[in-house]
Amino acid sequence: MADRGGAGVVISYRFLLLFCLVVGHEGLERDENGYVIYCPCMGRFGNQADHFLGALGFAKGLNRTLVLPPWVEYKPGHTRSIQVPFDTYFKVKPLTKFHRVVLMHQFMEELASTVWPPEERIAFCYVPRHNSEDCNAKEGNPFGPFWDTFGVDFVGSEFYRGLTYDVHYQNMAEKWTELYPGNKWPVLAFTGAPASFPVQESNRGLHRYLEWSDNVLNKAKEFISTLPYGPFVGIHLRNGVDWVRACEHVEHSPNLFAAPQCLGYRNEHGKATMELCLPSLSTIVKKLKRIIKSTGATSVFVASDSDHLIPELSKDLKKMKVSVHKREPSNPHVDLAILGRSKHYIGNCISSFSAFAKRERDAAGFPSSFWAFPLEKEKPGKKSAAGAPRHTEL
């Protein structure tokens, strides 16, 4: 999908902080229980969203305010990552129904000087990074650019060997609090998200607190209004070159990426296959026709990282008098919002991007399914629907 950021013009944090100084805020009250800050430094949006839900559950378990990080994005032609404010894509207020949160730029502007002064900024990591004796929290991209956006440097490292992020397990939350009490450790700043990937089953339901910003939602509704009258089916196709390469490892990685969303966290529903990861055109058409008949859909919306298969699908669905559409310019976040509002959604079991739409629909009680699932034995000689790569993985 093009326009990776989907934000249009990304406001500079330095300008935003200056604006805050001029306009002012009602001052934020300090949370005596402390804060959790982290860099969403693994993967693109789909992975970061999984990590966010885990971090939200982690902060809740420790009863610390979660500092909402910006989304880390990578733009063509840029050697360093770009940080997009959290509230560019999502509303903040709905999250407060679950737990205390604060935008990172607000925390840095109004609280950091007293709660987290420069001389007390310690980076947290499980073990030393890059064959060193510390966390090296700013080494590499996006680590360095992320912390530089807020002018953060670290004076030391803290290793939390023996602890895990699973605060739902036994007394793990108590162990964290006992070792790092808020009065001595007001800020736990992690080099990466304090969360598992894919998102833990116990944290999947937290997605109901993620609500699209008005900007994203209005664009989605505007596009939907252009579709033919009647219900539409939303589908997600992963077929870019990076995805094709990833799928080559699927047989040796039964829980690859977001596979647990359909196969189960213990592979109780089977193991991942190539067809599940990279479905053939025949599999896609067969599934799509069945869903169209059951829903009475008059159109299909396609979101994809590479080949939307518009000509192929249009030809196969012509007799059903169903039109096939994509949004231009493509925007991953708007595409997700559109998928979330379809009559039925078909996603890729392995994709974390697909998983985002599935969780949103689960929270709303909307039906979804996956390509090539339930599992069937692959027929020899089956060709995949991989298209010409045009974009990188989300």
Protein backbone atom coordinates (compact mmCIF):
# COMPACT_ATOMS: atom_id res chain seq x y z
CA MET A 1 0.00 0.00 0.00
CA ALA A 2 1.29 3.42 -0.86
CA ASP A 3 1.55 6.41 1.46
CA ARG A 4 3.01 4.40 4.33
CA GLY A 5 2.45 7.06 6.92
CA GLY A 6 -1.11 7.85 5.96
CA ALA A 7 -0.78 11.07 7.90
CA GLY A 8 -0.48 13.54 5.04
CA VAL A 9 1.72 16.13 6.66
CA VAL A 10 3.42 14.90 9.82
CA ILE A 11 3.74 17.70 12.35
CA SER A 12 7.21 18.16 13.76
CA TYR A 13 7.38 17.34 17.43
CA ARG A 14 9.69 20.27 18.03
CA PHE A 15 7.08 22.60 16.56
CA LEU A 16 4.41 20.86 18.61
CA LEU A 17 6.37 21.30 21.83
CA LEU A 18 6.95 24.97 21.02
CA PHE A 19 3.22 25.35 20.38
CA CYS A 20 2.51 23.81 23.77
CA LEU A 21 4.81 26.33 25.40
CA VAL A 22 3.02 29.23 23.76
CA VAL A 23 -0.56 28.03 24.20
CA GLY A 24 -0.14 26.13 27.44
CA HIS A 25 -2.02 23.15 28.94
CA GLU A 26 -3.90 22.58 32.09
CA GLY A 27 -0.93 20.94 33.85
CA LEU A 28 -0.73 17.19 34.06
CA GLU A 29 -0.73 15.70 37.52
CA ARG A 30 2.14 13.41 38.38
CA ASP A 31 1.32 9.71 38.74
CA GLU A 32 3.02 8.62 41.94
CA ASN A 33 2.81 5.00 40.78
CA GLY A 34 5.10 5.82 37.88
CA TYR A 35 5.14 5.55 34.08
CA VAL A 36 5.93 3.08 31.32
CA ILE A 37 7.68 4.40 28.22
CA TYR A 38 8.90 2.32 25.30
CA CYS A 39 10.14 2.51 21.74
CA PRO A 40 7.85 0.66 19.27
CA CYS A 41 10.97 -0.40 17.42
CA MET A 42 9.98 -3.78 15.98
CA GLY A 43 8.32 -4.00 12.59
CA ARG A 44 5.77 -1.79 10.93
CA PHE A 45 2.24 -0.83 11.91
CA GLY A 46 0.75 -4.31 12.30
CA ASN A 47 3.52 -5.45 14.63
CA GLN A 48 3.52 -2.17 16.55
CA ALA A 49 -0.24 -2.45 17.11
CA ASP A 50 0.19 -5.95 18.58
CA HIS A 51 2.90 -4.60 20.86
CA PHE A 52 0.79 -1.63 21.88
CA LEU A 53 -1.99 -3.84 23.22
CA GLY A 54 0.57 -5.83 25.20
CA ALA A 55 2.17 -2.66 26.58
CA LEU A 56 -1.25 -1.35 27.59
CA GLY A 57 -1.96 -4.56 29.49
CA PHE A 58 1.52 -4.43 31.05
CA ALA A 59 1.07 -0.84 32.28
CA LYS A 60 -2.34 -1.75 33.71
CA GLY A 61 -0.87 -4.72 35.54
CA LEU A 62 1.82 -2.55 37.12
CA ASN A 63 -0.67 0.28 37.73
CA ARG A 64 1.60 2.76 35.96
CA THR A 65 0.53 5.36 33.43
CA LEU A 66 1.33 4.30 29.87
CA VAL A 67 3.08 6.98 27.84
CA LEU A 68 1.63 6.68 24.34
CA PRO A 69 4.53 6.53 21.88
CA PRO A 70 4.32 7.82 18.32
CA TRP A 71 4.02 5.27 15.53
CA VAL A 72 7.37 4.53 13.88
CA GLU A 73 7.19 4.74 10.10
CA TYR A 74 9.63 4.43 7.23
CA LYS A 75 9.31 6.71 4.22
CA PRO A 76 10.90 6.11 0.82
CA GLY A 77 13.93 8.33 0.45
CA HIS A 78 14.39 8.77 4.21
CA THR A 79 17.34 7.08 5.90
CA ARG A 80 15.86 7.59 9.36
CA SER A 81 12.49 6.57 10.70
CA ILE A 82 9.69 9.10 11.10
CA GLN A 83 7.66 9.37 14.30
CA VAL A 84 3.93 9.98 13.78
CA PRO A 85 1.97 11.16 16.86
CA PHE A 86 -0.21 8.43 18.37
CA ASP A 87 -3.38 10.51 18.08
CA THR A 88 -2.90 11.01 14.35
CA TYR A 89 -4.57 7.64 13.90
CA PHE A 90 -6.36 6.94 17.18
CA LYS A 91 -8.35 8.78 19.82
CA VAL A 92 -6.83 9.00 23.27
CA LYS A 93 -9.95 9.35 25.42
CA PRO A 94 -11.39 5.84 24.77
CA LEU A 95 -8.15 4.33 26.13
CA THR A 96 -8.71 6.05 29.48
CA LYS A 97 -11.77 3.86 29.99
CA PHE A 98 -9.31 1.02 30.55
CA HIS A 99 -6.26 2.71 32.06
CA ARG A 100 -4.34 5.94 32.51
CA VAL A 101 -2.44 7.15 29.44
CA VAL A 102 -0.67 10.31 28.31
CA LEU A 103 0.72 11.31 24.92
CA MET A 104 4.51 11.19 24.83
CA HIS A 105 4.99 14.78 23.71
CA GLN A 106 2.81 15.96 26.62
CA PHE A 107 4.75 13.85 29.08
CA MET A 108 8.08 15.18 27.82
CA GLU A 109 6.87 18.78 27.80
CA GLU A 110 5.05 18.92 31.13
CA LEU A 111 6.42 16.19 33.37
CA ALA A 112 9.77 14.86 32.22
CA SER A 113 11.90 17.66 33.69
CA THR A 114 10.78 16.75 37.22
CA VAL A 115 9.59 13.14 36.96
CA TRP A 116 12.37 11.96 34.64
CA PRO A 117 15.25 14.50 34.68
CA PRO A 118 18.10 13.92 32.19
CA GLU A 119 20.54 12.75 34.85
CA GLU A 120 18.17 9.94 35.90
CA ARG A 121 17.25 8.46 32.53
CA ILE A 122 17.96 4.74 32.64
CA ALA A 123 17.23 2.40 29.74
CA PHE A 124 15.60 -0.96 30.48
CA CYS A 125 16.39 -4.12 28.54
CA TYR A 126 16.43 -7.83 29.26
CA VAL A 127 20.11 -8.32 28.45
CA PRO A 128 22.88 -6.12 27.00
CA ARG A 129 22.53 -5.38 23.29
CA HIS A 130 25.11 -5.70 20.49
CA ASN A 131 27.82 -7.47 22.48
CA SER A 132 28.18 -4.59 24.91
CA GLU A 133 27.70 -4.08 28.63
CA ASP A 134 24.65 -1.85 28.36
CA CYS A 135 21.31 -1.55 26.55
CA ASN A 136 22.63 0.63 23.72
CA ALA A 137 19.11 2.03 23.60
CA LYS A 138 19.84 4.49 20.80
CA GLU A 139 21.98 2.36 18.54
CA GLY A 140 20.53 1.81 15.09
CA ASN A 141 17.36 2.82 13.28
CA PRO A 142 14.64 3.33 14.50
CA PHE A 143 16.06 3.35 18.05
CA GLY A 144 18.20 6.45 17.70
CA PRO A 145 15.71 8.57 15.71
CA PHE A 146 12.90 7.65 18.09
CA TRP A 147 14.59 8.90 21.26
CA ASP A 148 16.24 11.83 19.44
CA THR A 149 12.77 13.07 18.47
CA PHE A 150 12.25 13.90 22.15
CA GLY A 151 15.82 14.82 22.98
CA VAL A 152 16.30 11.78 25.21
CA ASP A 153 19.74 10.44 26.12
CA PHE A 154 20.39 7.68 28.64
CA VAL A 155 22.95 7.74 31.44
CA GLY A 156 22.77 4.05 32.31
CA SER A 157 21.16 0.66 31.78
CA GLU A 158 19.05 -1.68 33.86
CA PHE A 159 18.65 -5.40 33.08
CA TYR A 160 15.50 -7.14 34.23
CA ARG A 161 16.58 -10.78 33.81
CA GLY A 162 14.14 -13.17 35.41
CA LEU A 163 11.09 -10.99 34.83
CA THR A 164 8.58 -11.30 31.99
CA TYR A 165 5.91 -9.08 30.47
CA ASP A 166 3.14 -11.54 31.29
CA VAL A 167 1.55 -9.72 34.22
CA HIS A 168 -1.40 -12.12 33.99
CA TYR A 169 0.84 -14.98 35.12
CA GLN A 170 0.95 -15.72 38.84
CA ASN A 171 2.45 -12.76 40.75
CA MET A 172 4.61 -11.28 37.98
CA ALA A 173 3.14 -7.77 38.44
CA GLU A 174 4.02 -7.88 42.13
CA LYS A 175 7.59 -8.91 41.29
CA TRP A 176 7.99 -5.91 38.98
CA THR A 177 6.59 -3.53 41.58
CA GLU A 178 8.71 -5.00 44.36
CA LEU A 179 11.91 -4.70 42.35
CA TYR A 180 11.08 -1.34 40.76
CA PRO A 181 8.79 0.64 43.09
CA GLY A 182 7.39 3.89 41.70
CA ASN A 183 8.99 6.07 44.34
CA LYS A 184 12.49 4.91 43.36
CA TRP A 185 11.88 4.14 39.69
CA PRO A 186 9.29 6.67 38.50
CA VAL A 187 9.87 5.77 34.83
CA LEU A 188 10.46 2.38 33.27
CA ALA A 189 11.85 3.23 29.82
CA PHE A 190 12.17 0.15 27.61
CA THR A 191 14.36 -0.15 24.52
CA GLY A 192 11.53 -2.11 22.92
CA ALA A 193 7.89 -2.76 23.71
CA PRO A 194 7.24 -4.55 27.04
CA ALA A 195 5.02 -7.01 25.22
CA SER A 196 5.01 -10.26 23.28
CA PHE A 197 4.51 -10.75 19.56
CA PRO A 198 2.02 -11.78 18.46
CA VAL A 199 -0.22 -10.18 21.07
CA GLN A 200 -1.02 -12.43 24.01
CA GLU A 201 -4.45 -13.99 23.92
CA SER A 202 -5.28 -12.29 27.23
CA ASN A 203 -4.64 -8.85 25.69
CA ARG A 204 -6.49 -9.26 22.38
CA GLY A 205 -9.71 -7.88 23.84
CA LEU A 206 -8.04 -4.56 24.64
CA HIS A 207 -8.46 -3.67 20.99
CA ARG A 208 -11.99 -2.46 21.79
CA TYR A 209 -10.42 0.64 23.35
CA LEU A 210 -8.67 1.56 20.09
CA GLU A 211 -10.89 3.94 18.13
CA TRP A 212 -9.87 5.55 14.85
CA SER A 213 -9.35 9.30 14.80
CA ASP A 214 -12.06 11.37 13.12
CA ASN A 215 -9.70 12.09 10.24
CA VAL A 216 -9.13 8.41 9.43
CA LEU A 217 -12.75 7.42 10.02
CA ASN A 218 -14.16 10.22 7.87
CA LYS A 219 -11.92 9.21 4.96
CA ALA A 220 -13.08 5.61 5.31
CA LYS A 221 -16.74 6.60 5.35
CA GLU A 222 -16.23 8.90 2.37
CA PHE A 223 -14.79 6.03 0.33
CA ILE A 224 -17.53 3.61 1.38
CA SER A 225 -20.11 6.12 0.17
CA THR A 226 -18.67 5.81 -3.35
CA LEU A 227 -19.24 2.04 -3.52
CA PRO A 228 -22.32 0.62 -5.29
CA TYR A 229 -25.48 0.50 -3.20
CA GLY A 230 -25.62 -2.59 -0.99
CA PRO A 231 -23.26 -4.50 1.33
CA PHE A 232 -19.62 -4.98 0.44
CA VAL A 233 -17.03 -7.61 1.29
CA GLY A 234 -13.60 -6.44 2.49
CA ILE A 235 -10.53 -8.54 1.72
CA HIS A 236 -6.83 -8.26 2.51
CA LEU A 237 -4.21 -9.72 0.15
CA ARG A 238 -0.56 -10.10 1.12
CA ASN A 239 1.56 -10.88 -1.93
CA GLY A 240 4.53 -8.50 -2.04
CA VAL A 241 8.05 -9.85 -2.57
CA ASP A 242 8.94 -9.57 1.12
CA TRP A 243 5.82 -11.57 2.01
CA VAL A 244 6.60 -14.27 -0.57
CA ARG A 245 10.03 -14.69 1.02
CA ALA A 246 8.56 -14.82 4.53
CA CYS A 247 6.09 -17.52 3.50
CA GLU A 248 8.96 -19.73 2.38
CA HIS A 249 9.67 -20.35 6.07
CA VAL A 250 6.10 -21.10 7.08
CA GLU A 251 6.43 -24.89 7.21
CA HIS A 252 9.27 -24.59 9.71
CA SER A 253 7.53 -21.84 11.70
CA PRO A 254 4.08 -23.19 12.63
CA ASN A 255 3.26 -20.01 14.59
CA LEU A 256 4.73 -17.53 12.12
CA PHE A 257 3.74 -13.90 12.78
CA ALA A 258 -0.01 -13.67 13.58
CA ALA A 259 -0.80 -17.34 12.85
CA PRO A 260 -2.24 -17.94 16.36
CA GLN A 261 -5.25 -15.79 15.44
CA CYS A 262 -6.67 -18.72 13.48
CA LEU A 263 -4.45 -21.71 14.31
CA GLY A 264 -4.49 -21.13 18.06
CA TYR A 265 -1.63 -20.28 20.40
CA ARG A 266 -0.74 -23.96 20.77
CA ASN A 267 -1.49 -24.90 17.15
CA GLU A 268 -4.64 -26.60 18.37
CA HIS A 269 -6.28 -25.83 15.01
CA GLY A 270 -3.43 -27.07 12.85
CA LYS A 271 -0.10 -25.82 11.51
CA ALA A 272 0.58 -23.07 9.01
CA THR A 273 0.87 -23.99 5.33
CA MET A 274 2.04 -22.17 2.23
CA GLU A 275 -1.57 -21.91 1.00
CA LEU A 276 -2.60 -20.29 4.27
CA CYS A 277 0.24 -17.78 3.99
CA LEU A 278 0.09 -17.15 0.23
CA PRO A 279 -3.30 -18.34 -1.09
CA SER A 280 -3.67 -19.17 -4.77
CA LEU A 281 -5.99 -17.18 -6.99
CA SER A 282 -8.35 -20.16 -7.18
CA THR A 283 -8.55 -20.29 -3.37
CA ILE A 284 -9.25 -16.56 -3.21
CA VAL A 285 -11.99 -16.66 -5.86
CA LYS A 286 -13.66 -19.75 -4.42
CA LYS A 287 -13.82 -18.27 -0.92
CA LEU A 288 -14.89 -14.86 -2.19
CA LYS A 289 -17.77 -16.23 -4.28
CA ARG A 290 -19.07 -18.20 -1.31
CA ILE A 291 -19.04 -15.12 0.95
CA ILE A 292 -20.64 -12.91 -1.71
CA LYS A 293 -23.51 -15.37 -2.10
CA SER A 294 -24.08 -15.60 1.67
CA THR A 295 -23.99 -11.82 2.22
CA GLY A 296 -25.65 -10.58 -0.94
CA ALA A 297 -22.71 -8.23 -1.45
CA THR A 298 -22.71 -5.98 -4.51
CA SER A 299 -19.02 -5.00 -4.35
CA VAL A 300 -15.62 -6.04 -3.01
CA PHE A 301 -13.03 -3.77 -1.45
CA VAL A 302 -9.42 -4.93 -1.73
CA ALA A 303 -6.56 -3.84 0.54
CA SER A 304 -3.11 -5.08 -0.44
CA ASP A 305 0.60 -4.48 0.07
CA SER A 306 1.29 -5.15 -3.60
CA ASP A 307 -1.07 -6.67 -6.18
CA HIS A 308 -4.77 -5.96 -5.60
CA LEU A 309 -5.71 -8.46 -8.35
CA ILE A 310 -8.41 -6.07 -9.59
CA PRO A 311 -8.46 -7.32 -13.24
CA GLU A 312 -8.42 -10.99 -12.23
CA LEU A 313 -11.13 -10.68 -9.59
CA SER A 314 -13.29 -8.44 -11.77
CA LYS A 315 -13.20 -11.07 -14.53
CA ASP A 316 -14.07 -13.95 -12.18
CA LEU A 317 -16.89 -12.04 -10.48
CA LYS A 318 -18.37 -10.53 -13.66
CA LYS A 319 -21.21 -13.04 -13.94
CA MET A 320 -22.19 -12.29 -10.32
CA LYS A 321 -22.43 -8.60 -11.25
CA VAL A 322 -20.10 -7.68 -8.39
CA SER A 323 -17.58 -4.85 -8.83
CA VAL A 324 -14.08 -4.83 -7.32
CA HIS A 325 -12.49 -1.69 -5.87
CA LYS A 326 -9.40 -0.31 -4.18
CA ARG A 327 -8.86 3.11 -2.65
CA GLU A 328 -6.59 5.61 -4.36
CA PRO A 329 -4.37 6.91 -3.08
CA SER A 330 -3.86 3.83 -0.98
CA ASN A 331 -3.49 4.48 2.75
CA PRO A 332 -2.99 1.52 5.14
CA HIS A 333 -4.85 3.05 8.08
CA VAL A 334 -7.84 4.16 6.05
CA ASP A 335 -7.86 0.75 4.36
CA LEU A 336 -8.05 -0.91 7.77
CA ALA A 337 -10.93 1.34 8.82
CA ILE A 338 -12.78 0.38 5.62
CA LEU A 339 -12.15 -3.34 6.19
CA GLY A 340 -13.52 -2.96 9.70
CA ARG A 341 -16.84 -1.75 8.30
CA SER A 342 -17.48 -4.34 5.61
CA LYS A 343 -20.36 -6.84 5.73
CA HIS A 344 -17.81 -9.63 5.90
CA TYR A 345 -14.02 -9.56 6.07
CA ILE A 346 -11.55 -12.11 4.72
CA GLY A 347 -7.96 -11.76 5.91
CA ASN A 348 -4.61 -13.49 5.85
CA CYS A 349 -4.14 -15.71 8.90
CA ILE A 350 -0.39 -15.07 9.08
CA SER A 351 -0.46 -11.28 8.65
CA SER A 352 -0.41 -8.94 11.67
CA PHE A 353 -2.02 -6.30 9.43
CA SER A 354 -4.92 -8.68 8.79
CA ALA A 355 -5.02 -9.40 12.52
CA PHE A 356 -5.67 -5.74 13.31
CA ALA A 357 -8.86 -5.70 11.24
CA LYS A 358 -9.93 -9.06 12.68
CA ARG A 359 -9.59 -7.80 16.28
CA GLU A 360 -11.51 -4.62 15.49
CA ARG A 361 -14.34 -6.64 14.00
CA ASP A 362 -14.32 -9.11 16.88
CA ALA A 363 -14.77 -6.22 19.29
CA ALA A 364 -17.76 -5.00 17.27
CA GLY A 365 -19.24 -8.47 16.80
CA PHE A 366 -18.76 -8.46 13.01
CA PRO A 367 -18.04 -11.69 11.06
CA SER A 368 -14.61 -12.47 9.62
CA SER A 369 -12.81 -15.42 8.05
CA PHE A 370 -9.42 -16.35 6.58
CA TRP A 371 -8.10 -17.55 3.24
CA ALA A 372 -7.55 -21.33 3.08
CA PHE A 373 -8.96 -21.88 6.55
CA PRO A 374 -10.15 -24.29 7.90
CA LEU A 375 -7.06 -26.09 6.65
CA GLU A 376 -7.17 -28.41 3.67
CA LYS A 377 -4.48 -30.55 2.12
CA GLU A 378 -2.63 -28.68 -0.61
CA LYS A 379 -2.87 -30.05 -4.12
CA PRO A 380 0.47 -30.56 -5.90
CA GLY A 381 1.38 -28.03 -8.55
CA LYS A 382 -0.80 -25.24 -7.13
CA LYS A 383 0.35 -21.78 -8.16
CA SER A 384 0.21 -18.86 -5.74
CA ALA A 385 -1.35 -15.48 -6.37
CA ALA A 386 1.87 -13.60 -5.80
CA GLY A 387 1.97 -10.39 -7.80
CA ALA A 388 4.67 -7.97 -8.83
CA PRO A 389 6.10 -6.32 -5.71
CA ARG A 390 5.51 -2.61 -5.38
CA HIS A 391 5.64 -1.96 -1.64
CA THR A 392 7.33 -3.35 1.44
CA GLU A 393 5.72 -5.18 4.33
CA LEU A 394 3.47 -3.29 6.71
